Amino acid sequence: MKQGQFISEDRLFKKAIDILMEKLGPVETNRFLSLPSKERMESVKRHRKWQSKLDKDTFFNEVFGNQ
């Protein structure tokens, strides 16, 4: 496969399953594929949650340094 060329979704899925089966075995592969997806938090809520735990001065020093 050339760099920058995509393989078909069917082939990608088959390769991924083969790798999971090789590395994890059938039981853990099935368990992994059966994991429920976490409910996505709406982006504004996620951002506000992140901001609520943020120390402004520490954040600014990390981003801008002590100028």
Protein backbone atom coordinates (compact mmCIF):
# COMPACT_ATOMS: atom_id res chain seq x y z
CA MET A 1 0.00 0.00 0.00
CA LYS A 2 1.31 3.40 -0.96
CA GLN A 3 1.63 6.17 1.60
CA GLY A 4 -1.46 8.37 1.55
CA GLN A 5 -3.66 5.69 0.00
CA PHE A 6 -6.63 4.41 1.99
CA ILE A 7 -7.71 0.80 2.06
CA SER A 8 -11.39 -0.07 1.87
CA GLU A 9 -13.39 -0.06 5.09
CA ASP A 10 -14.07 -3.79 4.75
CA ARG A 11 -10.36 -4.56 4.47
CA LEU A 12 -9.52 -2.18 7.32
CA PHE A 13 -12.10 -3.84 9.56
CA LYS A 14 -10.81 -7.33 8.68
CA LYS A 15 -7.20 -6.38 9.41
CA ALA A 16 -8.18 -4.76 12.71
CA ILE A 17 -10.14 -7.85 13.80
CA ASP A 18 -7.24 -10.12 12.79
CA ILE A 19 -4.81 -8.06 14.88
CA LEU A 20 -7.15 -7.99 17.87
CA MET A 21 -7.65 -11.75 17.63
CA GLU A 22 -3.89 -12.33 17.41
CA LYS A 23 -3.01 -10.05 20.32
CA LEU A 24 -6.02 -10.50 22.61
CA GLY A 25 -7.66 -13.77 21.65
CA PRO A 26 -11.33 -14.33 20.82
CA VAL A 27 -12.82 -13.65 24.25
CA GLU A 28 -11.08 -10.30 24.83
CA THR A 29 -11.62 -9.26 21.20
CA ASN A 30 -15.35 -9.86 21.59
CA ARG A 31 -15.31 -8.03 24.93
CA PHE A 32 -13.52 -5.06 23.36
CA LEU A 33 -15.93 -4.89 20.45
CA SER A 34 -18.90 -5.09 22.82
CA LEU A 35 -17.81 -2.22 25.07
CA PRO A 36 -20.50 0.43 25.18
CA SER A 37 -19.45 3.77 23.80
CA LYS A 38 -19.35 6.52 26.39
CA GLU A 39 -21.94 9.18 26.04
CA ARG A 40 -20.34 12.23 24.51
CA MET A 41 -20.49 15.38 26.54
CA GLU A 42 -21.62 18.42 24.63
CA SER A 43 -18.56 20.54 23.80
CA VAL A 44 -19.61 23.70 25.67
CA LYS A 45 -20.33 21.67 28.82
CA ARG A 46 -16.96 19.92 28.46
CA HIS A 47 -15.18 23.26 28.04
CA ARG A 48 -16.92 24.82 31.04
CA LYS A 49 -16.06 21.77 33.17
CA TRP A 50 -12.40 22.11 32.11
CA GLN A 51 -12.44 25.86 32.85
CA SER A 52 -13.95 25.35 36.30
CA LYS A 53 -10.89 23.33 37.35
CA LEU A 54 -8.40 25.68 35.75
CA ASP A 55 -6.06 27.97 37.68
CA LYS A 56 -5.79 31.02 35.42
CA ASP A 57 -2.33 32.16 36.58
CA THR A 58 -0.79 28.69 36.29
CA PHE A 59 -2.34 28.22 32.85
CA PHE A 60 -1.12 31.59 31.57
CA ASN A 61 2.40 30.91 32.90
CA GLU A 62 2.47 27.55 31.13
CA VAL A 63 1.26 29.02 27.86
CA PHE A 64 2.98 32.40 27.81
CA GLY A 65 5.78 31.91 30.31
CA ASN A 66 6.79 34.62 32.75
CA GLN A 67 6.99 37.51 30.33
